[in-house]
Protein backbone atom coordinates (compact mmCIF):
# COMPACT_ATOMS: atom_id res chain seq x y z
CA MET A 1 -27.84 85.74 21.62
CA PHE A 2 -28.95 82.12 22.07
CA ASN A 3 -30.55 79.89 19.47
CA SER A 4 -31.79 76.34 19.45
CA MET A 5 -30.82 74.22 16.49
CA LYS A 6 -31.71 70.70 15.40
CA VAL A 7 -28.75 68.83 14.00
CA TYR A 8 -28.50 65.30 12.67
CA GLY A 9 -26.26 63.02 10.67
CA PRO A 10 -23.31 60.71 11.19
CA SER A 11 -20.40 63.17 11.14
CA MET A 12 -20.39 63.94 14.88
CA LEU A 13 -20.99 60.40 16.18
CA PRO A 14 -20.67 59.46 19.01
CA THR A 15 -20.94 62.99 20.48
CA LEU A 16 -24.21 63.75 18.69
CA ASN A 17 -26.96 61.34 17.72
CA PHE A 18 -27.39 60.22 14.10
CA THR A 19 -31.17 60.71 14.32
CA GLY A 20 -30.92 64.22 15.71
CA ASP A 21 -30.26 66.44 18.70
CA VAL A 22 -31.62 69.84 19.65
CA LEU A 23 -28.74 71.99 20.78
CA LEU A 24 -28.47 75.39 22.42
CA VAL A 25 -25.99 77.62 20.66
CA GLU A 26 -24.59 80.93 21.85
CA LYS A 27 -23.11 83.50 19.48
CA MET A 28 -21.07 85.71 21.81
CA SER A 29 -18.10 83.33 21.99
CA THR A 30 -17.57 83.43 18.24
CA LEU A 31 -18.10 87.20 18.09
CA LEU A 32 -15.57 87.79 20.86
CA GLY A 33 -13.04 85.24 19.65
CA LYS A 34 -13.61 82.98 22.66
CA VAL A 35 -13.60 79.60 20.95
CA ALA A 36 -10.83 77.05 21.28
CA PRO A 37 -9.81 73.59 20.13
CA GLY A 38 -12.29 71.05 21.46
CA ASP A 39 -15.32 73.35 21.13
CA VAL A 40 -18.26 72.15 19.04
CA VAL A 41 -19.42 74.93 16.73
CA LEU A 42 -22.04 75.69 14.11
CA VAL A 43 -20.48 76.78 10.84
CA ARG A 44 -21.89 78.23 7.62
CA SER A 45 -20.84 75.72 4.97
CA PRO A 46 -18.09 77.14 2.77
CA GLU A 47 -19.50 75.12 -0.14
CA ASN A 48 -23.20 75.88 0.31
CA PRO A 49 -24.02 79.09 2.22
CA ARG A 50 -27.61 77.89 2.81
CA LYS A 51 -26.32 74.95 4.82
CA THR A 52 -25.16 74.95 8.45
CA ILE A 53 -22.79 72.25 9.65
CA THR A 54 -21.78 71.14 13.14
CA LYS A 55 -18.12 70.27 13.75
CA ARG A 56 -15.40 70.38 16.40
CA ILE A 57 -12.58 72.92 16.30
CA ILE A 58 -9.27 71.08 16.05
CA GLY A 59 -6.94 74.02 15.44
CA MET A 60 -6.83 77.81 15.56
CA GLU A 61 -4.75 80.21 13.46
CA GLY A 62 -1.07 79.49 13.85
CA ASP A 63 -1.63 75.92 15.10
CA THR A 64 -0.06 73.01 13.27
CA VAL A 65 -2.65 70.31 12.63
CA THR A 66 -1.94 66.78 11.50
CA PHE A 67 -4.77 64.81 9.98
CA LEU A 68 -5.48 61.58 8.13
CA VAL A 69 -6.00 62.44 4.48
CA ASP A 70 -8.47 59.60 3.83
CA PRO A 71 -8.96 57.35 6.86
CA THR A 72 -11.14 54.93 4.89
CA ARG A 73 -8.33 54.06 2.45
CA SER A 74 -4.99 54.60 4.19
CA ASP A 75 -3.19 55.88 7.24
CA ARG A 76 -1.40 58.61 5.26
CA SER A 77 -1.28 61.85 7.20
CA HIS A 78 -0.60 65.47 6.33
CA SER A 79 0.35 68.48 8.47
CA LEU A 80 -0.24 72.17 7.89
CA VAL A 81 -0.32 75.46 9.76
CA VAL A 82 -3.79 77.01 10.08
CA PRO A 83 -3.62 80.43 8.38
CA LYS A 84 -4.45 83.74 10.05
CA GLY A 85 -8.19 84.31 10.42
CA HIS A 86 -9.07 80.63 10.01
CA VAL A 87 -9.88 77.53 12.06
CA TRP A 88 -9.53 73.81 11.34
CA ILE A 89 -12.72 71.81 11.93
CA GLN A 90 -13.42 68.09 11.83
CA GLY A 91 -16.30 65.83 12.67
CA ASP A 92 -15.83 63.37 15.52
CA ASN A 93 -16.62 60.50 13.13
CA LEU A 94 -13.68 60.81 10.73
CA TYR A 95 -15.11 58.12 8.47
CA ALA A 96 -18.33 60.03 7.75
CA SER A 97 -17.43 63.71 7.95
CA HIS A 98 -16.94 66.28 5.21
CA ASP A 99 -14.78 68.88 6.93
CA SER A 100 -11.50 70.82 6.73
CA ARG A 101 -9.75 67.70 5.46
CA HIS A 102 -11.78 68.21 2.27
CA VAL A 103 -12.36 71.97 2.05
CA GLY A 104 -9.31 73.31 3.91
CA PRO A 105 -9.15 75.82 6.76
CA ILE A 106 -12.44 77.62 7.46
CA PRO A 107 -12.58 81.45 7.64
CA TYR A 108 -13.37 82.54 11.19
CA GLY A 109 -16.25 84.65 9.84
CA LEU A 110 -18.16 81.46 8.94
CA LEU A 111 -18.44 80.43 12.61
CA LEU A 112 -22.05 81.02 13.67
CA GLY A 113 -21.98 79.96 17.30
CA LYS A 114 -20.66 77.66 19.98
CA VAL A 115 -22.74 74.68 21.10
CA PHE A 116 -23.02 74.53 24.88
CA TYR A 117 -26.09 72.45 25.81
CA ARG A 118 -28.18 69.58 24.46
CA VAL A 119 -31.91 69.78 25.22
CA TRP A 120 -33.13 66.82 23.14
CA PRO A 121 -33.31 63.87 23.36
CA PRO A 122 -34.17 63.89 27.08
CA ARG A 123 -31.81 61.00 27.93
CA ASP A 124 -28.86 63.14 26.77
CA PHE A 125 -30.04 66.44 28.32
CA GLY A 126 -27.15 68.49 29.64
CA PRO A 127 -23.96 70.32 28.78
CA LEU A 128 -22.11 69.16 25.72
CA GLY A 129 -18.76 67.84 26.88
CA GLN A 130 -15.52 67.86 25.00
C-alpha cells in the first residue's frame, strides 16, 4: 500500500522543491480516515481526474477555515465550515497554488494517499515534516 510519486511545481514551496521531489505515499491513512490538518496528501484533481495534486490538509469536516480569497490582490478573508465528507486543502505557497480557495472543499474520496517520506533529492532525504 505504498507508492513513490514524483511531484513538482511551485504550489508547495518551501516544503517541496520547485524542480521536483520523489515522495513515498501510503494509502492506508486515507482509507481508514487517519489524516488530519497539517498532513500533506495526494489528491485526484476535482477539475481534471487524470491529474494528481499535492497539497496540505487545512481543515476536516466540521472545521471552520478562514482563508485569504486572493492573497496577490488583497488581504480580504472568508470563513466557512467544511461540509461532511470533505476536506479543505491548500498549497504552502498561497501565491502559486490552485486549491480549495478556488475549487471549494474536496470530497474525501478524492484523497489518494498521505505523504510520509521524501527520497529525492538526496539532500532532503527523510520524513516530511509538518
